[in-house]
Amino acid sequence: MEHPCRYIVADCNSVEVMVLGHKYLNDTLVDAVAQSLNADYGDYVPKYGVEAVKKGKVAKALKNLYVVLMRLASLMVALYVTPLAGLGTYTDVKFASGCTDVKCKNDSGIKPAIEVTRDMNVTVLFVGLDLFVEAESLDRSDLSFPRFQQDLVEDFADANVLNNVPQLWSFSLMEGLTLHRY
């Protein structure tokens, strides 16, 4: 029986890694090129693409591509809300941005963010990375949070432990991060 999912790839040399490295599904390079989407194919398309077309495998891959894209587009339109808006549909929310962006270049927002947590029943902290900090061409030299995000995490934890307030932490991660004190 043919595997229903095949390949949806978007990373450099992913076809090579999946077929020659992991031997995922034991496909040939022709099958992998024909069934992959948005890949950095290296020289695999010139070598194996014509054969994939001749075997009639590309039309099916294109159909799958459009089905996936349509599903993703409909989900993005229908379901995308910010965490703040999502939480706000269930309860009154007080908000303060501890950092102006993911890079968190200064600590000017940390104190106001901690102040907002006082006298709350529950506090929620959203931190992490995005594609402006972590991407294929933006490898980091360590696993620390960007700039002042670590201070925000530590101050948030300290303030809420002192006040005995339940905490929820949400990490948006592209890669692993180190929580230095925890």
C-alpha atoms as a PDB file:
ATOM      1  CA  MET A   1       0.000   0.000   0.000  1.00  0.00           C
ATOM      2  CA  GLU A   2       1.288   3.468  -0.870  1.00  0.00           C
ATOM      3  CA  HIS A   3       2.007   5.696   2.105  1.00  0.00           C
ATOM      4  CA  PRO A   4      -0.672   8.445   2.138  1.00  0.00           C
ATOM      5  CA  CYS A   5       1.509  11.284   3.353  1.00  0.00           C
ATOM      6  CA  ARG A   6       4.748  11.252   1.351  1.00  0.00           C
ATOM      7  CA  TYR A   7       6.937  14.353   1.490  1.00  0.00           C
ATOM      8  CA  ILE A   8       6.299  17.978   2.299  1.00  0.00           C
ATOM      9  CA  VAL A   9       9.716  19.509   2.777  1.00  0.00           C
ATOM     10  CA  ALA A  10      11.108  23.008   3.064  1.00  0.00           C
ATOM     11  CA  ASP A  11      14.630  22.664   4.384  1.00  0.00           C
ATOM     12  CA  CYS A  12      17.950  22.759   2.592  1.00  0.00           C
ATOM     13  CA  ASN A  13      18.885  19.437   1.025  1.00  0.00           C
ATOM     14  CA  SER A  14      15.886  17.759   2.633  1.00  0.00           C
ATOM     15  CA  VAL A  15      15.398  15.353  -0.258  1.00  0.00           C
ATOM     16  CA  GLU A  16      18.952  14.099   0.116  1.00  0.00           C
ATOM     17  CA  VAL A  17      18.650  13.777   3.899  1.00  0.00           C
ATOM     18  CA  MET A  18      15.307  11.926   3.821  1.00  0.00           C
ATOM     19  CA  VAL A  19      16.108   9.560   0.963  1.00  0.00           C
ATOM     20  CA  LEU A  20      19.817   8.880   1.355  1.00  0.00           C
ATOM     21  CA  GLY A  21      20.213   9.588   5.070  1.00  0.00           C
ATOM     22  CA  HIS A  22      17.033   8.470   6.820  1.00  0.00           C
ATOM     23  CA  LYS A  23      15.801   6.226   4.001  1.00  0.00           C
ATOM     24  CA  TYR A  24      12.294   7.402   4.890  1.00  0.00           C
ATOM     25  CA  LEU A  25       9.726   5.232   3.063  1.00  0.00           C
ATOM     26  CA  ASN A  26      12.588   3.644   1.082  1.00  0.00           C
ATOM     27  CA  ASP A  27      11.749   5.847  -1.906  1.00  0.00           C
ATOM     28  CA  THR A  28      14.061   6.511  -4.807  1.00  0.00           C
ATOM     29  CA  LEU A  29      15.371   9.989  -5.513  1.00  0.00           C
ATOM     30  CA  VAL A  30      12.946  10.172  -8.459  1.00  0.00           C
ATOM     31  CA  ASP A  31       9.991   9.463  -6.144  1.00  0.00           C
ATOM     32  CA  ALA A  32      11.193  11.975  -3.563  1.00  0.00           C
ATOM     33  CA  VAL A  33      11.696  14.794  -6.078  1.00  0.00           C
ATOM     34  CA  ALA A  34       8.289  14.115  -7.603  1.00  0.00           C
ATOM     35  CA  GLN A  35       6.532  14.169  -4.244  1.00  0.00           C
ATOM     36  CA  SER A  36       8.300  17.039  -2.525  1.00  0.00           C
ATOM     37  CA  LEU A  37       7.148  20.606  -2.154  1.00  0.00           C
ATOM     38  CA  ASN A  38       9.167  23.803  -1.789  1.00  0.00           C
ATOM     39  CA  ALA A  39      12.478  22.041  -1.375  1.00  0.00           C
ATOM     40  CA  ASP A  40      16.025  23.144  -1.939  1.00  0.00           C
ATOM     41  CA  TYR A  41      16.638  20.299  -4.329  1.00  0.00           C
ATOM     42  CA  GLY A  42      20.284  21.022  -5.046  1.00  0.00           C
ATOM     43  CA  ASP A  43      20.996  19.194  -8.285  1.00  0.00           C
ATOM     44  CA  TYR A  44      18.285  16.555  -7.804  1.00  0.00           C
ATOM     45  CA  VAL A  45      15.650  18.168 -10.037  1.00  0.00           C
ATOM     46  CA  PRO A  46      17.954  18.340 -13.069  1.00  0.00           C
ATOM     47  CA  LYS A  47      19.076  14.753 -12.463  1.00  0.00           C
ATOM     48  CA  TYR A  48      15.751  13.123 -11.572  1.00  0.00           C
ATOM     49  CA  GLY A  49      12.981  15.565 -12.514  1.00  0.00           C
ATOM     50  CA  VAL A  50      12.577  14.502 -16.155  1.00  0.00           C
ATOM     51  CA  GLU A  51      12.242  10.864 -15.172  1.00  0.00           C
ATOM     52  CA  ALA A  52       9.641  11.803 -12.533  1.00  0.00           C
ATOM     53  CA  VAL A  53       7.600  13.653 -15.207  1.00  0.00           C
ATOM     54  CA  LYS A  54       7.901  10.733 -17.642  1.00  0.00           C
ATOM     55  CA  LYS A  55       6.652   8.314 -14.987  1.00  0.00           C
ATOM     56  CA  GLY A  56       3.588  10.529 -14.438  1.00  0.00           C
ATOM     57  CA  LYS A  57       4.449  11.252 -10.800  1.00  0.00           C
ATOM     58  CA  VAL A  58       4.653  15.050 -10.961  1.00  0.00           C
ATOM     59  CA  ALA A  59       0.947  15.636 -11.765  1.00  0.00           C
ATOM     60  CA  LYS A  60      -0.069  13.800  -8.601  1.00  0.00           C
ATOM     61  CA  ALA A  61       2.471  15.775  -6.560  1.00  0.00           C
ATOM     62  CA  LEU A  62       1.127  19.060  -7.942  1.00  0.00           C
ATOM     63  CA  LYS A  63      -2.415  18.044  -7.065  1.00  0.00           C
ATOM     64  CA  ASN A  64      -1.265  17.229  -3.510  1.00  0.00           C
ATOM     65  CA  LEU A  65       0.566  20.577  -3.338  1.00  0.00           C
ATOM     66  CA  TYR A  66      -2.560  22.522  -4.249  1.00  0.00           C
ATOM     67  CA  VAL A  67      -4.723  20.541  -1.817  1.00  0.00           C
ATOM     68  CA  VAL A  68      -2.254  21.260   1.012  1.00  0.00           C
ATOM     69  CA  LEU A  69      -1.991  24.937   0.079  1.00  0.00           C
ATOM     70  CA  MET A  70      -5.774  25.326  -0.054  1.00  0.00           C
ATOM     71  CA  ARG A  71      -6.190  23.639   3.325  1.00  0.00           C
ATOM     72  CA  LEU A  72      -3.479  25.796   4.877  1.00  0.00           C
ATOM     73  CA  ALA A  73      -4.952  28.968   3.385  1.00  0.00           C
ATOM     74  CA  SER A  74      -8.414  28.176   4.704  1.00  0.00           C
ATOM     75  CA  LEU A  75      -7.035  27.353   8.155  1.00  0.00           C
ATOM     76  CA  MET A  76      -4.997  30.537   8.281  1.00  0.00           C
ATOM     77  CA  VAL A  77      -7.998  32.677   7.406  1.00  0.00           C
ATOM     78  CA  ALA A  78     -10.386  30.867   9.694  1.00  0.00           C
ATOM     79  CA  LEU A  79      -8.280  30.135  12.750  1.00  0.00           C
ATOM     80  CA  TYR A  80      -5.520  32.707  13.148  1.00  0.00           C
ATOM     81  CA  VAL A  81      -5.831  34.839  16.257  1.00  0.00           C
ATOM     82  CA  THR A  82      -3.168  36.244  18.508  1.00  0.00           C
ATOM     83  CA  PRO A  83      -2.792  34.665  21.948  1.00  0.00           C
ATOM     84  CA  LEU A  84      -4.000  37.947  23.461  1.00  0.00           C
ATOM     85  CA  ALA A  85      -7.184  37.956  21.359  1.00  0.00           C
ATOM     86  CA  GLY A  86      -7.765  34.263  22.017  1.00  0.00           C
ATOM     87  CA  LEU A  87      -7.463  34.603  25.779  1.00  0.00           C
ATOM     88  CA  GLY A  88      -9.583  37.750  25.650  1.00  0.00           C
ATOM     89  CA  THR A  89     -12.566  35.778  24.381  1.00  0.00           C
ATOM     90  CA  TYR A  90     -12.695  33.878  27.692  1.00  0.00           C
ATOM     91  CA  THR A  91     -11.750  36.452  30.311  1.00  0.00           C
ATOM     92  CA  ASP A  92     -10.686  40.013  30.961  1.00  0.00           C
ATOM     93  CA  VAL A  93      -7.033  40.339  30.074  1.00  0.00           C
ATOM     94  CA  LYS A  94      -4.467  42.878  31.212  1.00  0.00           C
ATOM     95  CA  PHE A  95      -1.517  43.106  28.852  1.00  0.00           C
ATOM     96  CA  ALA A  96       1.939  44.625  28.798  1.00  0.00           C
ATOM     97  CA  SER A  97       4.644  43.859  26.294  1.00  0.00           C
ATOM     98  CA  GLY A  98       7.834  42.982  28.142  1.00  0.00           C
ATOM     99  CA  CYS A  99       9.777  43.321  24.895  1.00  0.00           C
ATOM    100  CA  THR A 100       8.968  45.407  21.842  1.00  0.00           C
ATOM    101  CA  ASP A 101       9.946  42.543  19.534  1.00  0.00           C
ATOM    102  CA  VAL A 102      11.522  39.091  19.633  1.00  0.00           C
ATOM    103  CA  LYS A 103      15.060  40.500  19.620  1.00  0.00           C
ATOM    104  CA  CYS A 104      14.247  42.319  22.915  1.00  0.00           C
ATOM    105  CA  LYS A 105      17.016  44.888  22.527  1.00  0.00           C
ATOM    106  CA  ASN A 106      16.359  46.670  25.846  1.00  0.00           C
ATOM    107  CA  ASP A 107      14.723  46.031  29.194  1.00  0.00           C
ATOM    108  CA  SER A 108      12.422  49.070  29.261  1.00  0.00           C
ATOM    109  CA  GLY A 109       9.246  46.966  29.024  1.00  0.00           C
ATOM    110  CA  ILE A 110      10.099  44.403  31.690  1.00  0.00           C
ATOM    111  CA  LYS A 111       9.103  46.377  34.790  1.00  0.00           C
ATOM    112  CA  PRO A 112       5.712  47.463  33.343  1.00  0.00           C
ATOM    113  CA  ALA A 113       5.044  43.858  32.292  1.00  0.00           C
ATOM    114  CA  ILE A 114       5.803  42.576  35.781  1.00  0.00           C
ATOM    115  CA  GLU A 115       3.607  45.303  37.330  1.00  0.00           C
ATOM    116  CA  VAL A 116       0.625  44.106  35.269  1.00  0.00           C
ATOM    117  CA  THR A 117       0.929  40.645  36.860  1.00  0.00           C
ATOM    118  CA  ARG A 118       0.268  41.959  40.376  1.00  0.00           C
ATOM    119  CA  ASP A 119      -3.088  40.900  41.858  1.00  0.00           C
ATOM    120  CA  MET A 120      -3.826  38.530  38.963  1.00  0.00           C
ATOM    121  CA  ASN A 121      -5.353  35.077  39.364  1.00  0.00           C
ATOM    122  CA  VAL A 122      -3.147  33.648  36.607  1.00  0.00           C
ATOM    123  CA  THR A 123      -0.308  35.078  34.568  1.00  0.00           C
ATOM    124  CA  VAL A 124       0.766  34.072  31.081  1.00  0.00           C
ATOM    125  CA  LEU A 125       4.141  34.764  29.482  1.00  0.00           C
ATOM    126  CA  PHE A 126       4.859  34.379  25.761  1.00  0.00           C
ATOM    127  CA  VAL A 127       8.526  34.331  24.740  1.00  0.00           C
ATOM    128  CA  GLY A 128      10.683  32.650  22.147  1.00  0.00           C
ATOM    129  CA  LEU A 129      12.106  32.975  18.681  1.00  0.00           C
ATOM    130  CA  ASP A 130      10.881  33.809  15.220  1.00  0.00           C
ATOM    131  CA  LEU A 131      12.390  33.792  11.748  1.00  0.00           C
ATOM    132  CA  PHE A 132      14.090  37.147  12.363  1.00  0.00           C
ATOM    133  CA  VAL A 133      16.228  35.516  15.055  1.00  0.00           C
ATOM    134  CA  GLU A 134      16.489  31.854  14.033  1.00  0.00           C
ATOM    135  CA  ALA A 135      16.514  30.672  10.440  1.00  0.00           C
ATOM    136  CA  GLU A 136      18.707  28.679   8.099  1.00  0.00           C
ATOM    137  CA  SER A 137      20.894  31.719   7.415  1.00  0.00           C
ATOM    138  CA  LEU A 138      20.722  33.114  10.971  1.00  0.00           C
ATOM    139  CA  ASP A 139      22.291  30.439  13.120  1.00  0.00           C
ATOM    140  CA  ARG A 140      22.924  31.598  16.677  1.00  0.00           C
ATOM    141  CA  SER A 141      26.185  31.172  18.551  1.00  0.00           C
ATOM    142  CA  ASP A 142      24.487  29.895  21.732  1.00  0.00           C
ATOM    143  CA  LEU A 143      21.164  28.627  23.063  1.00  0.00           C
ATOM    144  CA  SER A 144      20.312  31.671  25.182  1.00  0.00           C
ATOM    145  CA  PHE A 145      17.144  33.692  24.844  1.00  0.00           C
ATOM    146  CA  PRO A 146      17.587  36.831  22.710  1.00  0.00           C
ATOM    147  CA  ARG A 147      18.984  39.788  24.662  1.00  0.00           C
ATOM    148  CA  PHE A 148      16.635  40.711  27.530  1.00  0.00           C
ATOM    149  CA  GLN A 149      14.097  37.893  27.120  1.00  0.00           C
ATOM    150  CA  GLN A 150      16.011  35.874  29.738  1.00  0.00           C
ATOM    151  CA  ASP A 151      15.631  38.756  32.225  1.00  0.00           C
ATOM    152  CA  LEU A 152      11.920  38.938  31.424  1.00  0.00           C
ATOM    153  CA  VAL A 153      11.491  35.204  32.094  1.00  0.00           C
ATOM    154  CA  GLU A 154      13.413  35.375  35.380  1.00  0.00           C
ATOM    155  CA  ASP A 155      11.663  38.522  36.647  1.00  0.00           C
ATOM    156  CA  PHE A 156       8.267  37.102  35.655  1.00  0.00           C
ATOM    157  CA  ALA A 157       8.957  33.873  37.551  1.00  0.00           C
ATOM    158  CA  ASP A 158      10.322  35.671  40.626  1.00  0.00           C
ATOM    159  CA  ALA A 159       7.402  38.113  40.863  1.00  0.00           C
ATOM    160  CA  ASN A 160       4.757  35.444  40.515  1.00  0.00           C
ATOM    161  CA  VAL A 161       6.397  33.012  42.922  1.00  0.00           C
ATOM    162  CA  LEU A 162       6.568  35.778  45.533  1.00  0.00           C
ATOM    163  CA  ASN A 163       2.877  36.539  45.025  1.00  0.00           C
ATOM    164  CA  ASN A 164       1.922  32.843  44.839  1.00  0.00           C
ATOM    165  CA  VAL A 165       0.274  33.320  41.433  1.00  0.00           C
ATOM    166  CA  PRO A 166      -0.070  30.374  39.027  1.00  0.00           C
ATOM    167  CA  GLN A 167       2.007  30.860  35.891  1.00  0.00           C
ATOM    168  CA  LEU A 168       1.648  29.632  32.329  1.00  0.00           C
ATOM    169  CA  TRP A 169       4.662  29.914  30.053  1.00  0.00           C
ATOM    170  CA  SER A 170       4.404  29.614  26.298  1.00  0.00           C
ATOM    171  CA  PHE A 171       7.590  29.245  24.305  1.00  0.00           C
ATOM    172  CA  SER A 172       7.504  29.867  20.570  1.00  0.00           C
ATOM    173  CA  LEU A 173      10.607  28.026  19.527  1.00  0.00           C
ATOM    174  CA  MET A 174      12.337  27.419  16.268  1.00  0.00           C
ATOM    175  CA  GLU A 175      15.199  25.757  18.146  1.00  0.00           C
ATOM    176  CA  GLY A 176      16.080  24.881  21.712  1.00  0.00           C
ATOM    177  CA  LEU A 177      16.686  27.584  24.303  1.00  0.00           C
ATOM    178  CA  THR A 178      18.372  27.533  27.690  1.00  0.00           C
ATOM    179  CA  LEU A 179      16.592  28.675  30.821  1.00  0.00           C
ATOM    180  CA  HIS A 180      19.700  29.603  32.767  1.00  0.00           C
ATOM    181  CA  ARG A 181      18.292  29.510  36.313  1.00  0.00           C
ATOM    182  CA  TYR A 182      15.853  26.647  35.885  1.00  0.00           C
END
